């Protein structure tokens, strides 16, 4: 997910990143966050933009 830090809370220092206290960016993103909260993820950043790779659990 490109620019995940704009929509989901993170510890990123990139501009416009959402903090944990702010939560996700609206109801839809809150639902997304709830659905993927247990998924493995890798956050990457170049200091301006963040990309997150999410791995769906095997069921």
PDB file of N, CA and C in Angstrom:
ATOM      1  N   UNK A   1       0.855  -1.158   0.000  1.00  0.00           N
ATOM      2  CA  UNK A   1       0.000   0.000   0.000  1.00  0.00           C
ATOM      3  C   UNK A   1       0.907   1.230   0.000  1.00  0.00           C
ATOM      4  N   UNK A   2       0.843   1.994  -1.071  1.00  0.00           N
ATOM      5  CA  UNK A   2       1.628   3.226  -1.138  1.00  0.00           C
ATOM      6  C   UNK A   2       1.018   4.292  -0.226  1.00  0.00           C
ATOM      7  N   UNK A   3       1.888   5.071   0.392  1.00  0.00           N
ATOM      8  CA  UNK A   3       1.485   6.172   1.271  1.00  0.00           C
ATOM      9  C   UNK A   3       0.582   5.713   2.415  1.00  0.00           C
ATOM     10  N   UNK A   4       0.833   4.527   2.921  1.00  0.00           N
ATOM     11  CA  UNK A   4       0.033   3.968   4.009  1.00  0.00           C
ATOM     12  C   UNK A   4       0.031   4.882   5.233  1.00  0.00           C
ATOM     13  N   UNK A   5       1.103   5.613   5.426  1.00  0.00           N
ATOM     14  CA  UNK A   5       1.223   6.499   6.591  1.00  0.00           C
ATOM     15  C   UNK A   5       0.221   7.653   6.550  1.00  0.00           C
ATOM     16  N   UNK A   6      -0.356   7.930   5.386  1.00  0.00           N
ATOM     17  CA  UNK A   6      -1.377   8.983   5.289  1.00  0.00           C
ATOM     18  C   UNK A   6      -2.729   8.500   5.804  1.00  0.00           C
ATOM     19  N   UNK A   7      -2.912   7.174   5.820  1.00  0.00           N
ATOM     20  CA  UNK A   7      -4.222   6.610   6.131  1.00  0.00           C
ATOM     21  C   UNK A   7      -4.263   5.790   7.408  1.00  0.00           C
ATOM     22  N   UNK A   8      -3.149   5.162   7.739  1.00  0.00           N
ATOM     23  CA  UNK A   8      -3.074   4.307   8.920  1.00  0.00           C
ATOM     24  C   UNK A   8      -2.052   4.868   9.905  1.00  0.00           C
ATOM     25  N   UNK A   9      -2.330   4.758  11.186  1.00  0.00           N
ATOM     26  CA  UNK A   9      -1.380   5.274  12.174  1.00  0.00           C
ATOM     27  C   UNK A   9      -0.043   4.533  12.085  1.00  0.00           C
ATOM     28  N   UNK A  10       1.018   5.286  12.255  1.00  0.00           N
ATOM     29  CA  UNK A  10       2.352   4.693  12.178  1.00  0.00           C
ATOM     30  C   UNK A  10       3.328   5.517  13.018  1.00  0.00           C
ATOM     31  N   UNK A  11       4.552   5.020  13.094  1.00  0.00           N
ATOM     32  CA  UNK A  11       5.620   5.759  13.775  1.00  0.00           C
ATOM     33  C   UNK A  11       6.492   6.511  12.776  1.00  0.00           C
ATOM     34  N   UNK A  12       6.018   6.628  11.560  1.00  0.00           N
ATOM     35  CA  UNK A  12       6.776   7.280  10.492  1.00  0.00           C
ATOM     36  C   UNK A  12       7.014   8.756  10.811  1.00  0.00           C
ATOM     37  N   UNK A  13       8.133   9.242  10.327  1.00  0.00           N
ATOM     38  CA  UNK A  13       8.449  10.671  10.449  1.00  0.00           C
ATOM     39  C   UNK A  13       8.237  11.401   9.128  1.00  0.00           C
ATOM     40  N   UNK A  14       7.707  10.684   8.143  1.00  0.00           N
ATOM     41  CA  UNK A  14       7.415  11.302   6.847  1.00  0.00           C
ATOM     42  C   UNK A  14       6.314  12.349   7.015  1.00  0.00           C
ATOM     43  N   UNK A  15       6.298  13.368   6.148  1.00  0.00           N
ATOM     44  CA  UNK A  15       5.270  14.413   6.252  1.00  0.00           C
ATOM     45  C   UNK A  15       3.859  13.830   6.158  1.00  0.00           C
ATOM     46  N   UNK A  16       2.950  14.429   6.906  1.00  0.00           N
ATOM     47  CA  UNK A  16       1.529  14.070   6.902  1.00  0.00           C
ATOM     48  C   UNK A  16       1.229  12.675   7.435  1.00  0.00           C
ATOM     49  N   UNK A  17       2.142  12.101   8.192  1.00  0.00           N
ATOM     50  CA  UNK A  17       1.903  10.776   8.763  1.00  0.00           C
ATOM     51  C   UNK A  17       0.905  10.865   9.902  1.00  0.00           C
ATOM     52  N   UNK A  18       0.075   9.852  10.011  1.00  0.00           N
ATOM     53  CA  UNK A  18      -0.911   9.786  11.085  1.00  0.00           C
ATOM     54  C   UNK A  18      -0.270   9.143  12.305  1.00  0.00           C
ATOM     55  N   UNK A  19      -0.540   9.679  13.454  1.00  0.00           N
ATOM     56  CA  UNK A  19      -0.026   9.155  14.712  1.00  0.00           C
ATOM     57  C   UNK A  19      -1.065   8.241  15.354  1.00  0.00           C
ATOM     58  N   UNK A  20      -0.637   7.423  16.289  1.00  0.00           N
ATOM     59  CA  UNK A  20      -1.544   6.494  16.965  1.00  0.00           C
ATOM     60  C   UNK A  20      -2.697   7.234  17.632  1.00  0.00           C
ATOM     61  N   UNK A  21      -2.416   8.391  18.218  1.00  0.00           N
ATOM     62  CA  UNK A  21      -3.461   9.162  18.895  1.00  0.00           C
ATOM     63  C   UNK A  21      -4.534   9.661  17.926  1.00  0.00           C
ATOM     64  N   UNK A  22      -4.173   9.836  16.652  1.00  0.00           N
ATOM     65  CA  UNK A  22      -5.129  10.286  15.645  1.00  0.00           C
ATOM     66  C   UNK A  22      -5.982   9.143  15.117  1.00  0.00           C
ATOM     67  N   UNK A  23      -5.451   7.938  15.174  1.00  0.00           N
ATOM     68  CA  UNK A  23      -6.159   6.797  14.613  1.00  0.00           C
ATOM     69  C   UNK A  23      -6.108   6.809  13.098  1.00  0.00           C
ATOM     70  N   UNK A  24      -6.903   5.936  12.505  1.00  0.00           N
ATOM     71  CA  UNK A  24      -6.954   5.841  11.044  1.00  0.00           C
ATOM     72  C   UNK A  24      -7.729   7.025  10.475  1.00  0.00           C
ATOM     73  N   UNK A  25      -7.568   7.249   9.171  1.00  0.00           N
ATOM     74  CA  UNK A  25      -8.168   8.402   8.482  1.00  0.00           C
ATOM     75  C   UNK A  25      -9.622   8.121   8.095  1.00  0.00           C
ATOM     76  N   UNK A  26     -10.507   8.125   9.061  1.00  0.00           N
ATOM     77  CA  UNK A  26     -11.928   7.958   8.777  1.00  0.00           C
ATOM     78  C   UNK A  26     -12.436   6.553   9.043  1.00  0.00           C
ATOM     79  N   UNK A  27     -13.738   6.386   8.846  1.00  0.00           N
ATOM     80  CA  UNK A  27     -14.401   5.124   9.167  1.00  0.00           C
ATOM     81  C   UNK A  27     -13.945   3.969   8.291  1.00  0.00           C
ATOM     82  N   UNK A  28     -13.775   4.214   7.014  1.00  0.00           N
ATOM     83  CA  UNK A  28     -13.352   3.141   6.117  1.00  0.00           C
ATOM     84  C   UNK A  28     -11.967   2.646   6.500  1.00  0.00           C
ATOM     85  N   UNK A  29     -11.042   3.564   6.767  1.00  0.00           N
ATOM     86  CA  UNK A  29      -9.681   3.170   7.132  1.00  0.00           C
ATOM     87  C   UNK A  29      -9.635   2.533   8.515  1.00  0.00           C
ATOM     88  N   UNK A  30     -10.534   2.931   9.399  1.00  0.00           N
ATOM     89  CA  UNK A  30     -10.636   2.281  10.703  1.00  0.00           C
ATOM     90  C   UNK A  30     -11.055   0.824  10.522  1.00  0.00           C
ATOM     91  N   UNK A  31     -11.999   0.574   9.624  1.00  0.00           N
ATOM     92  CA  UNK A  31     -12.428  -0.799   9.331  1.00  0.00           C
ATOM     93  C   UNK A  31     -11.300  -1.604   8.695  1.00  0.00           C
ATOM     94  N   UNK A  32     -10.552  -0.979   7.789  1.00  0.00           N
ATOM     95  CA  UNK A  32      -9.402  -1.655   7.169  1.00  0.00           C
ATOM     96  C   UNK A  32      -8.386  -2.021   8.236  1.00  0.00           C
ATOM     97  N   UNK A  33      -8.069  -1.083   9.100  1.00  0.00           N
ATOM     98  CA  UNK A  33      -7.094  -1.325  10.162  1.00  0.00           C
ATOM     99  C   UNK A  33      -7.536  -2.472  11.059  1.00  0.00           C
ATOM    100  N   UNK A  34      -8.796  -2.508  11.398  1.00  0.00           N
ATOM    101  CA  UNK A  34      -9.317  -3.589  12.237  1.00  0.00           C
ATOM    102  C   UNK A  34      -9.181  -4.935  11.525  1.00  0.00           C
ATOM    103  N   UNK A  35      -9.458  -4.959  10.223  1.00  0.00           N
ATOM    104  CA  UNK A  35      -9.398  -6.205   9.457  1.00  0.00           C
ATOM    105  C   UNK A  35      -7.973  -6.739   9.310  1.00  0.00           C
ATOM    106  N   UNK A  36      -6.985  -5.850   9.273  1.00  0.00           N
ATOM    107  CA  UNK A  36      -5.606  -6.285   9.011  1.00  0.00           C
ATOM    108  C   UNK A  36      -4.700  -6.197  10.237  1.00  0.00           C
ATOM    109  N   UNK A  37      -5.245  -5.902  11.380  1.00  0.00           N
ATOM    110  CA  UNK A  37      -4.411  -5.649  12.561  1.00  0.00           C
ATOM    111  C   UNK A  37      -3.510  -6.821  12.948  1.00  0.00           C
ATOM    112  N   UNK A  38      -3.900  -8.043  12.618  1.00  0.00           N
ATOM    113  CA  UNK A  38      -3.083  -9.205  12.974  1.00  0.00           C
ATOM    114  C   UNK A  38      -2.193  -9.686  11.830  1.00  0.00           C
ATOM    115  N   UNK A  39      -2.228  -8.991  10.703  1.00  0.00           N
ATOM    116  CA  UNK A  39      -1.427  -9.391   9.555  1.00  0.00           C
ATOM    117  C   UNK A  39       0.021  -8.950   9.746  1.00  0.00           C
ATOM    118  N   UNK A  40       0.923  -9.734   9.228  1.00  0.00           N
ATOM    119  CA  UNK A  40       2.335  -9.347   9.212  1.00  0.00           C
ATOM    120  C   UNK A  40       2.497  -8.207   8.218  1.00  0.00           C
ATOM    121  N   UNK A  41       3.344  -7.249   8.555  1.00  0.00           N
ATOM    122  CA  UNK A  41       3.552  -6.119   7.650  1.00  0.00           C
ATOM    123  C   UNK A  41       5.012  -5.676   7.680  1.00  0.00           C
ATOM    124  N   UNK A  42       5.417  -5.097   6.573  1.00  0.00           N
ATOM    125  CA  UNK A  42       6.745  -4.495   6.453  1.00  0.00           C
ATOM    126  C   UNK A  42       6.542  -3.062   5.987  1.00  0.00           C
ATOM    127  N   UNK A  43       6.979  -2.113   6.803  1.00  0.00           N
ATOM    128  CA  UNK A  43       6.878  -0.687   6.461  1.00  0.00           C
ATOM    129  C   UNK A  43       8.223  -0.236   5.908  1.00  0.00           C
ATOM    130  N   UNK A  44       8.172   0.472   4.789  1.00  0.00           N
ATOM    131  CA  UNK A  44       9.383   1.045   4.205  1.00  0.00           C
ATOM    132  C   UNK A  44       9.157   2.539   4.002  1.00  0.00           C
ATOM    133  N   UNK A  45      10.231   3.303   3.995  1.00  0.00           N
ATOM    134  CA  UNK A  45      10.106   4.746   3.851  1.00  0.00           C
ATOM    135  C   UNK A  45      11.360   5.320   3.223  1.00  0.00           C
ATOM    136  N   UNK A  46      11.172   6.380   2.442  1.00  0.00           N
ATOM    137  CA  UNK A  46      12.322   7.127   1.945  1.00  0.00           C
ATOM    138  C   UNK A  46      12.400   8.482   2.639  1.00  0.00           C
ATOM    139  N   UNK A  47      11.590   8.676   3.683  1.00  0.00           N
ATOM    140  CA  UNK A  47      11.570   9.918   4.431  1.00  0.00           C
ATOM    141  C   UNK A  47      10.516  10.896   3.951  1.00  0.00           C
ATOM    142  N   UNK A  48       9.912  10.611   2.819  1.00  0.00           N
ATOM    143  CA  UNK A  48       8.840  11.443   2.274  1.00  0.00           C
ATOM    144  C   UNK A  48       7.576  10.615   2.108  1.00  0.00           C
ATOM    145  N   UNK A  49       7.726   9.425   1.510  1.00  0.00           N
ATOM    146  CA  UNK A  49       6.604   8.525   1.296  1.00  0.00           C
ATOM    147  C   UNK A  49       6.886   7.196   1.962  1.00  0.00           C
ATOM    148  N   UNK A  50       5.819   6.549   2.421  1.00  0.00           N
ATOM    149  CA  UNK A  50       5.934   5.227   3.024  1.00  0.00           C
ATOM    150  C   UNK A  50       5.128   4.229   2.208  1.00  0.00           C
ATOM    151  N   UNK A  51       5.643   3.033   2.121  1.00  0.00           N
ATOM    152  CA  UNK A  51       4.925   1.929   1.494  1.00  0.00           C
ATOM    153  C   UNK A  51       4.894   0.787   2.491  1.00  0.00           C
ATOM    154  N   UNK A  52       3.757   0.136   2.584  1.00  0.00           N
ATOM    155  CA  UNK A  52       3.614  -0.999   3.488  1.00  0.00           C
ATOM    156  C   UNK A  52       3.216  -2.222   2.690  1.00  0.00           C
ATOM    157  N   UNK A  53       3.862  -3.326   2.997  1.00  0.00           N
ATOM    158  CA  UNK A  53       3.522  -4.612   2.394  1.00  0.00           C
ATOM    159  C   UNK A  53       2.820  -5.417   3.476  1.00  0.00           C
ATOM    160  N   UNK A  54       1.615  -5.870   3.185  1.00  0.00           N
ATOM    161  CA  UNK A  54       0.843  -6.676   4.123  1.00  0.00           C
ATOM    162  C   UNK A  54       0.791  -8.118   3.632  1.00  0.00           C
ATOM    163  N   UNK A  55       0.938  -9.045   4.552  1.00  0.00           N
ATOM    164  CA  UNK A  55       0.885 -10.468   4.251  1.00  0.00           C
ATOM    165  C   UNK A  55      -0.352 -11.060   4.898  1.00  0.00           C
ATOM    166  N   UNK A  56      -1.251 -11.580   4.077  1.00  0.00           N
ATOM    167  CA  UNK A  56      -2.465 -12.178   4.610  1.00  0.00           C
ATOM    168  C   UNK A  56      -2.118 -13.490   5.292  1.00  0.00           C
ATOM    169  N   UNK A  57      -2.740 -13.756   6.438  1.00  0.00           N
ATOM    170  CA  UNK A  57      -2.463 -15.011   7.112  1.00  0.00           C
ATOM    171  C   UNK A  57      -3.045 -16.196   6.327  1.00  0.00           C
ATOM    172  N   UNK A  58      -2.364 -17.322   6.403  1.00  0.00           N
ATOM    173  CA  UNK A  58      -2.859 -18.544   5.765  1.00  0.00           C
ATOM    174  C   UNK A  58      -3.976 -19.094   6.632  1.00  0.00           C
ATOM    175  N   UNK A  59      -5.073 -19.400   5.999  1.00  0.00           N
ATOM    176  CA  UNK A  59      -6.213 -19.937   6.783  1.00  0.00           C
ATOM    177  C   UNK A  59      -6.545 -21.321   6.359  1.00  0.00           C
TER     178      UNK A  59
END
